[in-house]
Amino acid sequence: MSGRTDSSATTGSPEAPAPRTESAPRGPRSADAAGTAPHASTARLPSGVRTGAARLLPAGAPYRRQLRRIGTGRVLEIGCGTGDTLTGCAPGSVGVDHDPRSVERCRARGLAAYTADAFLASPHARPGAFDALLSAHVLEQLDDEQVEGLLRAYVPYVRPGGGVLLITPQEAGQRAEEAAVRFTDFPLLRAFARSAGLAVRRTYSYPLPRSAGKLLRRNVFVLVGQVPR
């Protein structure tokens, strides 16, 4: 597919304008006109989203360093799996996952986690209730319309000025994910973020430079965005 080009934005580099790709969303869609968050259940996560991705992540609480880049407050994690990353988030953080079994495992670990519909009915589902949003190893399993719908549904739960962290695998990690739909690289991540109305603050390769992505499963694309104030 088009868009399989590396980003000119490496660690510490300024953000460049996002190139247009054929598969990128065609334009931003507004959140609910009344100013409330859209119905969360309109954005379904792929079943078993962490089944193939879990082995790609570092041991312990993954992405702790990345989470610090978007602040130290409450995180809403979309595609929380069994809670490995959620354990490293600030108290009051919440996970959402399509798989009820993963949600139950999170709760058994003392974490707050919900399926999409249950989250909507929870007291946490308030516009601006969270300081940041995290989605790791999810977007590559969705098509363009589904990605747009997911971000449109959940970004309004992040306060103005809050951070958004989007993470997708590079080549080796993509090959290891059975459920991966397409390669979601820097240009495509930027296009999705801007379509959701986010300001793109930084993109970089983690934990090693971009060239390692063809061989190292753990190497990922990272986009740090911000909800407009």
Protein backbone atom coordinates (compact mmCIF):
# COMPACT_ATOMS: atom_id res chain seq x y z
CA MET A 1 0.00 0.00 0.00
CA SER A 2 1.06 3.59 -0.33
CA GLY A 3 2.51 5.37 2.68
CA ARG A 4 5.22 2.81 3.47
CA THR A 5 7.86 5.47 3.77
CA ASP A 6 9.90 6.26 6.83
CA SER A 7 9.26 9.42 8.77
CA SER A 8 11.68 12.28 8.58
CA ALA A 9 10.81 12.89 12.22
CA THR A 10 13.22 10.87 14.33
CA THR A 11 13.93 11.24 18.02
CA GLY A 12 13.97 14.89 18.90
CA SER A 13 13.27 16.15 15.37
CA PRO A 14 10.60 18.76 14.65
CA GLU A 15 7.29 17.63 13.27
CA ALA A 16 6.94 17.89 9.50
CA PRO A 17 3.67 18.25 7.56
CA ALA A 18 1.97 14.90 7.02
CA PRO A 19 2.06 13.59 3.47
CA ARG A 20 -1.22 12.54 1.94
CA THR A 21 -1.70 8.83 1.44
CA GLU A 22 -4.43 6.98 -0.41
CA SER A 23 -5.43 5.04 2.65
CA ALA A 24 -5.43 7.99 5.05
CA PRO A 25 -8.71 9.37 6.37
CA ARG A 26 -10.18 11.96 4.03
CA GLY A 27 -10.76 14.60 6.62
CA PRO A 28 -11.54 15.25 10.27
CA ARG A 29 -14.96 14.54 11.62
CA SER A 30 -16.29 16.54 14.50
CA ALA A 31 -17.19 15.10 17.88
CA ASP A 32 -20.74 15.21 19.11
CA ALA A 33 -22.31 18.54 18.20
CA ALA A 34 -23.61 19.00 21.70
CA GLY A 35 -20.09 18.83 23.10
CA THR A 36 -20.43 15.40 24.70
CA ALA A 37 -18.42 12.32 23.87
CA PRO A 38 -19.74 10.06 21.11
CA HIS A 39 -21.15 6.63 21.91
CA ALA A 40 -18.14 4.53 22.81
CA SER A 41 -19.69 1.32 21.53
CA THR A 42 -19.60 2.69 17.97
CA ALA A 43 -15.84 2.00 17.98
CA ARG A 44 -15.27 -1.73 18.34
CA LEU A 45 -11.84 -3.09 19.15
CA PRO A 46 -10.62 -6.24 17.40
CA SER A 47 -11.26 -9.40 19.38
CA GLY A 48 -8.20 -10.62 21.29
CA VAL A 49 -6.22 -7.52 20.37
CA ARG A 50 -3.25 -8.49 22.55
CA THR A 51 -3.04 -12.15 21.57
CA GLY A 52 -0.27 -11.66 19.04
CA ALA A 53 1.07 -8.37 20.38
CA ALA A 54 1.92 -9.38 23.93
CA ARG A 55 5.19 -11.02 22.94
CA LEU A 56 6.29 -7.83 21.19
CA LEU A 57 6.29 -5.74 24.35
CA PRO A 58 9.05 -5.29 26.92
CA ALA A 59 8.73 -7.20 30.18
CA GLY A 60 7.08 -5.47 33.11
CA ALA A 61 4.93 -2.42 32.46
CA PRO A 62 5.49 -1.58 28.76
CA TYR A 63 5.87 1.98 27.49
CA ARG A 64 6.38 3.59 30.89
CA ARG A 65 8.87 6.02 29.37
CA GLN A 66 6.46 6.86 26.57
CA LEU A 67 3.64 7.48 29.02
CA ARG A 68 5.78 10.05 30.82
CA ARG A 69 5.88 12.04 27.59
CA ILE A 70 2.13 12.63 27.81
CA GLY A 71 2.03 13.47 31.50
CA THR A 72 1.55 11.71 34.81
CA GLY A 73 -2.24 11.91 35.15
CA ARG A 74 -5.08 9.47 34.55
CA VAL A 75 -4.78 7.41 31.37
CA LEU A 76 -7.55 5.90 29.28
CA GLU A 77 -6.02 2.87 27.53
CA ILE A 78 -7.87 1.57 24.48
CA GLY A 79 -7.03 -2.08 23.89
CA CYS A 80 -5.72 -2.70 27.40
CA GLY A 81 -5.46 -6.49 27.02
CA THR A 82 -4.69 -8.11 30.36
CA GLY A 83 -3.37 -4.88 31.87
CA ASP A 84 0.42 -5.07 31.54
CA THR A 85 0.67 -1.42 30.51
CA LEU A 86 -2.22 -0.29 32.68
CA THR A 87 -0.33 -1.40 35.78
CA GLY A 88 2.24 1.32 35.10
CA CYS A 89 -0.33 4.09 34.73
CA ALA A 90 -1.34 6.60 37.39
CA PRO A 91 -4.05 5.73 39.92
CA GLY A 92 -7.51 6.28 38.47
CA SER A 93 -6.49 5.09 35.00
CA VAL A 94 -8.96 2.92 33.09
CA GLY A 95 -8.65 0.29 30.37
CA VAL A 96 -11.12 -0.64 27.64
CA ASP A 97 -10.95 -3.92 25.73
CA HIS A 98 -13.23 -5.83 23.37
CA ASP A 99 -12.47 -9.17 25.03
CA PRO A 100 -14.44 -9.74 28.28
CA ARG A 101 -11.87 -12.33 29.38
CA SER A 102 -9.09 -9.76 29.20
CA VAL A 103 -11.24 -7.31 31.15
CA GLU A 104 -11.79 -9.92 33.87
CA ARG A 105 -8.06 -10.60 34.09
CA CYS A 106 -7.43 -6.86 34.50
CA ARG A 107 -9.96 -6.69 37.30
CA ALA A 108 -8.42 -9.70 38.99
CA ARG A 109 -5.21 -7.67 39.09
CA GLY A 110 -7.02 -4.81 40.82
CA LEU A 111 -7.28 -2.63 37.68
CA ALA A 112 -10.27 -0.68 36.40
CA ALA A 113 -11.22 -2.15 33.03
CA TYR A 114 -14.38 -2.39 30.93
CA THR A 115 -15.71 -3.58 27.62
CA ALA A 116 -16.79 -0.71 25.36
CA ASP A 117 -20.46 -0.77 26.32
CA ALA A 118 -19.70 -1.20 30.02
CA PHE A 119 -17.32 1.76 29.90
CA LEU A 120 -20.04 3.92 28.42
CA ALA A 121 -22.31 3.07 31.37
CA SER A 122 -19.55 3.66 33.93
CA PRO A 123 -18.95 6.84 35.94
CA HIS A 124 -15.64 7.26 34.09
CA ALA A 125 -17.34 8.05 30.76
CA ARG A 126 -17.33 11.82 31.12
CA PRO A 127 -15.93 14.26 28.55
CA GLY A 128 -12.49 15.46 29.62
CA ALA A 129 -12.27 12.97 32.49
CA PHE A 130 -8.78 11.71 31.60
CA ASP A 131 -5.41 13.39 31.23
CA ALA A 132 -4.22 11.17 28.39
CA LEU A 133 -5.18 8.42 25.95
CA LEU A 134 -3.03 5.42 25.00
CA SER A 135 -3.59 2.99 22.14
CA ALA A 136 -0.79 0.46 21.52
CA HIS A 137 -0.89 -2.34 18.93
CA VAL A 138 -4.50 -1.65 17.98
CA LEU A 139 -4.69 0.71 14.99
CA GLU A 140 -2.87 -1.66 12.62
CA GLN A 141 -5.70 -4.15 13.18
CA LEU A 142 -8.38 -1.74 11.93
CA ASP A 143 -9.25 -0.22 8.56
CA ASP A 144 -9.32 3.55 7.99
CA GLU A 145 -12.97 4.02 8.88
CA GLN A 146 -12.62 1.97 12.06
CA VAL A 147 -9.56 3.94 13.17
CA GLU A 148 -11.38 7.21 12.56
CA GLY A 149 -14.37 5.95 14.52
CA LEU A 150 -12.26 4.73 17.43
CA LEU A 151 -10.37 8.01 17.83
CA ARG A 152 -13.53 10.05 17.34
CA ALA A 153 -15.25 8.03 20.06
CA TYR A 154 -12.54 8.14 22.73
CA VAL A 155 -10.51 11.34 22.26
CA PRO A 156 -13.34 13.48 23.74
CA TYR A 157 -12.82 11.71 27.07
CA VAL A 158 -9.38 13.40 27.28
CA ARG A 159 -9.23 16.91 28.70
CA PRO A 160 -8.19 19.85 26.48
CA GLY A 161 -4.41 19.97 26.40
CA GLY A 162 -4.16 16.28 27.33
CA GLY A 163 -1.83 13.87 25.59
CA VAL A 164 -2.48 11.05 23.13
CA LEU A 165 -0.01 8.22 22.57
CA LEU A 166 -0.43 6.01 19.48
CA ILE A 167 1.87 3.02 19.01
CA THR A 168 2.05 0.55 16.11
CA PRO A 169 4.55 -2.18 15.14
CA GLN A 170 7.22 -1.87 12.51
CA GLU A 171 7.93 -4.56 9.87
CA ALA A 172 9.06 -7.46 12.09
CA GLY A 173 6.32 -6.81 14.61
CA GLN A 174 3.73 -6.49 11.84
CA ARG A 175 4.69 -9.92 10.51
CA ALA A 176 4.29 -11.41 13.99
CA GLU A 177 0.75 -10.08 14.45
CA GLU A 178 -1.74 -12.51 12.97
CA ALA A 179 -4.58 -9.99 13.16
CA ALA A 180 -2.73 -7.08 11.55
CA VAL A 181 -4.68 -5.55 8.65
CA ARG A 182 -2.08 -3.18 7.21
CA PHE A 183 1.20 -1.44 7.89
CA THR A 184 0.57 1.71 9.95
CA ASP A 185 3.70 3.83 9.75
CA PHE A 186 4.59 7.43 10.60
CA PRO A 187 2.74 9.13 7.70
CA LEU A 188 -0.41 7.14 8.35
CA LEU A 189 -0.28 7.75 12.11
CA ARG A 190 0.04 11.48 11.48
CA ALA A 191 -2.89 11.44 9.07
CA PHE A 192 -5.08 9.61 11.59
CA ALA A 193 -4.09 11.94 14.42
CA ARG A 194 -4.81 15.07 12.40
CA SER A 195 -8.09 13.64 11.17
CA ALA A 196 -9.06 13.27 14.84
CA GLY A 197 -8.22 16.94 15.42
CA LEU A 198 -5.01 16.26 17.35
CA ALA A 199 -1.85 18.32 17.23
CA VAL A 200 1.12 16.06 16.42
CA ARG A 201 3.94 16.87 18.84
CA ARG A 202 6.45 14.16 17.99
CA THR A 203 7.00 10.87 16.15
CA TYR A 204 9.90 8.53 16.82
CA SER A 205 11.07 4.92 16.66
CA TYR A 206 11.36 2.90 19.89
CA PRO A 207 13.42 1.32 21.41
CA LEU A 208 15.95 1.42 18.55
CA PRO A 209 16.30 3.57 15.42
CA ARG A 210 13.92 2.99 12.53
CA SER A 211 16.40 0.79 10.64
CA ALA A 212 16.01 -1.94 13.29
CA GLY A 213 12.30 -2.34 12.60
CA LYS A 214 12.76 -4.91 9.86
CA LEU A 215 14.43 -7.32 12.27
CA LEU A 216 13.33 -6.42 15.80
CA ARG A 217 9.77 -7.31 16.76
CA ARG A 218 9.74 -4.87 19.64
CA ASN A 219 10.58 -1.86 17.51
CA VAL A 220 7.53 0.35 17.16
CA PHE A 221 6.30 3.60 15.67
CA VAL A 222 5.33 6.12 18.37
CA LEU A 223 3.24 9.25 17.85
CA VAL A 224 2.80 11.78 20.66
CA GLY A 225 -0.21 14.02 20.10
CA GLN A 226 -2.16 16.61 22.03
CA VAL A 227 -5.84 17.43 22.32
CA PRO A 228 -6.40 21.11 21.40
CA ARG A 229 -6.93 23.46 24.33
